[in-house]
């Protein structure tokens, strides 16, 4: 299974969208500063996940979510106003 996930920075108003086979390991990497794009914004927490059978399905969905990052659709997906 592949997981599409959305992280939210606990200290800053930032989100990160990604996909992985091991979401717990990936969250740990983000929080340990091992990912360049999220390094300066830790700590992170998972706010949303979706699971897919194939990497291609997960990657397609990740791209779709990224296309409406910070917009009305993202807020709706996360249950925000």
N, C-alpha and C. Protein backbone atom coordinates (compact mmCIF):
# COMPACT_ATOMS: atom_id res chain seq x y z
N UNK A 1 0.83 -1.19 0.00
CA UNK A 1 0.00 0.00 0.00
C UNK A 1 0.88 1.25 0.00
N UNK A 2 0.41 2.26 -0.69
CA UNK A 2 1.07 3.55 -0.75
C UNK A 2 0.17 4.58 -0.10
N UNK A 3 0.76 5.48 0.65
CA UNK A 3 0.00 6.49 1.37
C UNK A 3 0.33 7.87 0.84
N UNK A 4 -0.72 8.62 0.50
CA UNK A 4 -0.60 10.05 0.22
C UNK A 4 -0.88 10.73 1.54
N UNK A 5 -0.01 11.65 1.92
CA UNK A 5 -0.16 12.27 3.24
C UNK A 5 0.01 13.78 3.15
N UNK A 6 -0.61 14.45 4.12
CA UNK A 6 -0.44 15.89 4.27
C UNK A 6 0.06 16.12 5.68
N UNK A 7 1.17 16.86 5.77
CA UNK A 7 1.73 17.24 7.06
C UNK A 7 1.45 18.71 7.30
N UNK A 8 1.32 19.07 8.55
CA UNK A 8 1.20 20.47 8.94
C UNK A 8 2.30 20.77 9.94
N UNK A 9 2.98 21.88 9.72
CA UNK A 9 4.00 22.31 10.66
C UNK A 9 3.29 22.77 11.94
N UNK A 10 3.76 22.32 13.07
CA UNK A 10 3.14 22.69 14.34
C UNK A 10 3.41 24.16 14.67
N UNK A 11 4.58 24.67 14.28
CA UNK A 11 4.97 26.04 14.63
C UNK A 11 4.66 27.08 13.57
N UNK A 12 4.45 26.66 12.34
CA UNK A 12 4.25 27.60 11.24
C UNK A 12 3.03 27.19 10.43
N UNK A 13 2.49 28.11 9.67
CA UNK A 13 1.33 27.82 8.84
C UNK A 13 1.79 27.26 7.50
N UNK A 14 2.35 26.05 7.54
CA UNK A 14 2.85 25.40 6.34
C UNK A 14 2.32 23.98 6.26
N UNK A 15 2.10 23.56 5.03
CA UNK A 15 1.68 22.18 4.77
C UNK A 15 2.69 21.54 3.83
N UNK A 16 2.79 20.23 3.90
CA UNK A 16 3.63 19.46 2.99
C UNK A 16 2.82 18.27 2.52
N UNK A 17 2.84 18.01 1.23
CA UNK A 17 2.10 16.91 0.64
C UNK A 17 3.09 15.94 0.02
N UNK A 18 2.93 14.65 0.31
CA UNK A 18 3.84 13.65 -0.23
C UNK A 18 3.18 12.29 -0.33
N UNK A 19 3.93 11.31 -0.82
CA UNK A 19 3.45 9.93 -0.84
C UNK A 19 4.61 9.00 -0.52
N UNK A 20 4.29 7.86 0.09
CA UNK A 20 5.31 6.93 0.55
C UNK A 20 4.71 5.55 0.81
N UNK A 21 5.57 4.55 0.94
CA UNK A 21 5.13 3.22 1.36
C UNK A 21 5.11 3.10 2.88
N UNK A 22 5.85 3.97 3.58
CA UNK A 22 5.98 3.88 5.04
C UNK A 22 5.82 5.27 5.65
N UNK A 23 4.60 5.63 5.98
CA UNK A 23 4.32 7.00 6.42
C UNK A 23 4.94 7.30 7.80
N UNK A 24 5.05 6.32 8.67
CA UNK A 24 5.68 6.56 9.99
C UNK A 24 7.17 6.89 9.83
N UNK A 25 7.85 6.13 8.98
CA UNK A 25 9.26 6.40 8.72
C UNK A 25 9.44 7.76 8.09
N UNK A 26 8.56 8.07 7.16
CA UNK A 26 8.66 9.35 6.43
C UNK A 26 8.44 10.53 7.37
N UNK A 27 7.46 10.44 8.27
CA UNK A 27 7.22 11.50 9.24
C UNK A 27 8.46 11.70 10.12
N UNK A 28 9.05 10.61 10.54
CA UNK A 28 10.27 10.68 11.35
C UNK A 28 11.38 11.41 10.60
N UNK A 29 11.54 11.11 9.32
CA UNK A 29 12.56 11.78 8.50
C UNK A 29 12.30 13.27 8.40
N UNK A 30 11.03 13.64 8.21
CA UNK A 30 10.69 15.07 8.14
C UNK A 30 11.03 15.76 9.46
N UNK A 31 10.68 15.14 10.56
CA UNK A 31 10.92 15.75 11.86
C UNK A 31 12.38 15.75 12.28
N UNK A 32 13.19 14.88 11.70
CA UNK A 32 14.63 14.86 11.99
C UNK A 32 15.43 15.76 11.05
N UNK A 33 14.73 16.47 10.16
CA UNK A 33 15.41 17.39 9.26
C UNK A 33 16.12 16.73 8.10
N UNK A 34 15.72 15.52 7.74
CA UNK A 34 16.37 14.80 6.65
C UNK A 34 15.81 15.14 5.28
N UNK A 35 14.76 15.96 5.24
CA UNK A 35 14.15 16.38 3.98
C UNK A 35 14.37 17.88 3.82
N UNK A 36 15.08 18.26 2.78
CA UNK A 36 15.47 19.66 2.58
C UNK A 36 14.27 20.62 2.62
N UNK A 37 13.19 20.28 1.94
CA UNK A 37 12.06 21.21 1.83
C UNK A 37 11.28 21.39 3.13
N UNK A 38 11.43 20.48 4.08
CA UNK A 38 10.69 20.61 5.34
C UNK A 38 11.61 20.86 6.54
N UNK A 39 12.89 20.88 6.31
CA UNK A 39 13.89 20.94 7.38
C UNK A 39 13.68 22.10 8.35
N UNK A 40 13.45 23.28 7.86
CA UNK A 40 13.34 24.46 8.72
C UNK A 40 11.98 24.68 9.35
N UNK A 41 11.06 23.75 9.17
CA UNK A 41 9.70 23.98 9.64
C UNK A 41 9.20 22.92 10.61
N UNK A 42 10.09 22.06 11.10
CA UNK A 42 9.72 21.01 12.06
C UNK A 42 9.35 21.65 13.40
N UNK A 43 8.57 21.00 14.19
CA UNK A 43 8.02 19.65 14.04
C UNK A 43 6.77 19.63 13.16
N UNK A 44 6.53 18.45 12.58
CA UNK A 44 5.40 18.21 11.70
C UNK A 44 4.46 17.19 12.33
N UNK A 45 3.20 17.26 11.93
CA UNK A 45 2.25 16.22 12.32
C UNK A 45 1.40 15.87 11.11
N UNK A 46 0.94 14.63 11.07
CA UNK A 46 0.10 14.17 9.98
C UNK A 46 -1.32 14.67 10.21
N UNK A 47 -1.89 15.33 9.20
CA UNK A 47 -3.26 15.83 9.32
C UNK A 47 -4.21 15.14 8.36
N UNK A 48 -3.66 14.36 7.40
CA UNK A 48 -4.54 13.72 6.42
C UNK A 48 -3.78 12.60 5.72
N UNK A 49 -4.47 11.49 5.45
CA UNK A 49 -3.87 10.39 4.67
C UNK A 49 -4.93 9.75 3.78
N UNK A 50 -4.46 9.18 2.68
CA UNK A 50 -5.25 8.35 1.77
C UNK A 50 -4.36 7.19 1.35
N UNK A 51 -4.93 6.00 1.17
CA UNK A 51 -4.13 4.84 0.78
C UNK A 51 -4.50 4.36 -0.62
N UNK A 52 -3.47 3.90 -1.35
CA UNK A 52 -3.63 3.41 -2.72
C UNK A 52 -2.85 2.12 -2.90
N UNK A 53 -3.29 1.31 -3.84
CA UNK A 53 -2.65 0.03 -4.11
C UNK A 53 -1.34 0.16 -4.87
N UNK A 54 -1.24 1.17 -5.74
CA UNK A 54 -0.05 1.31 -6.57
C UNK A 54 0.60 2.68 -6.39
N UNK A 55 1.89 2.72 -6.69
CA UNK A 55 2.61 3.99 -6.58
C UNK A 55 2.10 4.99 -7.61
N UNK A 56 1.70 4.51 -8.78
CA UNK A 56 1.22 5.44 -9.81
C UNK A 56 -0.08 6.11 -9.40
N UNK A 57 -0.98 5.36 -8.75
CA UNK A 57 -2.22 5.96 -8.25
C UNK A 57 -1.92 7.00 -7.18
N UNK A 58 -1.02 6.65 -6.26
CA UNK A 58 -0.67 7.56 -5.16
C UNK A 58 0.00 8.83 -5.70
N UNK A 59 0.91 8.67 -6.64
CA UNK A 59 1.61 9.81 -7.20
C UNK A 59 0.64 10.73 -7.95
N UNK A 60 -0.30 10.14 -8.69
CA UNK A 60 -1.31 10.94 -9.40
C UNK A 60 -2.14 11.76 -8.42
N UNK A 61 -2.54 11.12 -7.31
CA UNK A 61 -3.34 11.83 -6.30
C UNK A 61 -2.51 12.90 -5.60
N UNK A 62 -1.25 12.62 -5.32
CA UNK A 62 -0.37 13.63 -4.71
C UNK A 62 -0.30 14.87 -5.61
N UNK A 63 -0.09 14.66 -6.90
CA UNK A 63 -0.03 15.78 -7.85
C UNK A 63 -1.35 16.56 -7.87
N UNK A 64 -2.46 15.83 -7.81
CA UNK A 64 -3.77 16.49 -7.82
C UNK A 64 -3.92 17.39 -6.59
N UNK A 65 -3.58 16.86 -5.42
CA UNK A 65 -3.70 17.66 -4.20
C UNK A 65 -2.76 18.86 -4.25
N UNK A 66 -1.55 18.65 -4.73
CA UNK A 66 -0.60 19.76 -4.84
C UNK A 66 -1.10 20.85 -5.77
N UNK A 67 -1.91 20.50 -6.74
CA UNK A 67 -2.42 21.50 -7.69
C UNK A 67 -3.37 22.48 -7.03
N UNK A 68 -3.97 22.09 -5.90
CA UNK A 68 -4.81 23.05 -5.19
C UNK A 68 -4.32 23.33 -3.78
N UNK A 69 -3.03 23.25 -3.62
CA UNK A 69 -2.39 23.56 -2.34
C UNK A 69 -2.70 24.99 -1.92
N UNK A 70 -3.05 25.17 -0.67
CA UNK A 70 -3.35 26.46 -0.06
C UNK A 70 -4.64 27.08 -0.59
N UNK A 71 -5.41 26.35 -1.36
CA UNK A 71 -6.64 26.89 -1.91
C UNK A 71 -7.86 26.35 -1.20
N UNK A 72 -9.01 26.69 -1.72
CA UNK A 72 -10.28 26.30 -1.14
C UNK A 72 -10.43 24.78 -1.12
N UNK A 73 -9.99 24.10 -2.17
CA UNK A 73 -10.13 22.64 -2.21
C UNK A 73 -9.30 21.96 -1.13
N UNK A 74 -8.09 22.47 -0.86
CA UNK A 74 -7.26 21.91 0.20
C UNK A 74 -7.92 22.09 1.55
N UNK A 75 -8.44 23.26 1.81
CA UNK A 75 -9.13 23.53 3.07
C UNK A 75 -10.34 22.62 3.23
N UNK A 76 -11.07 22.41 2.15
CA UNK A 76 -12.23 21.52 2.19
C UNK A 76 -11.80 20.09 2.47
N UNK A 77 -10.73 19.63 1.83
CA UNK A 77 -10.21 18.28 2.03
C UNK A 77 -9.81 18.07 3.50
N UNK A 78 -9.24 19.10 4.11
CA UNK A 78 -8.79 19.01 5.50
C UNK A 78 -9.89 19.35 6.51
N UNK A 79 -11.06 19.71 6.01
CA UNK A 79 -12.18 20.04 6.90
C UNK A 79 -12.03 21.39 7.57
N UNK A 80 -11.33 22.31 6.90
CA UNK A 80 -11.13 23.66 7.43
C UNK A 80 -12.14 24.61 6.81
N UNK A 81 -12.29 25.77 7.39
CA UNK A 81 -13.23 26.77 6.86
C UNK A 81 -12.65 27.49 5.68
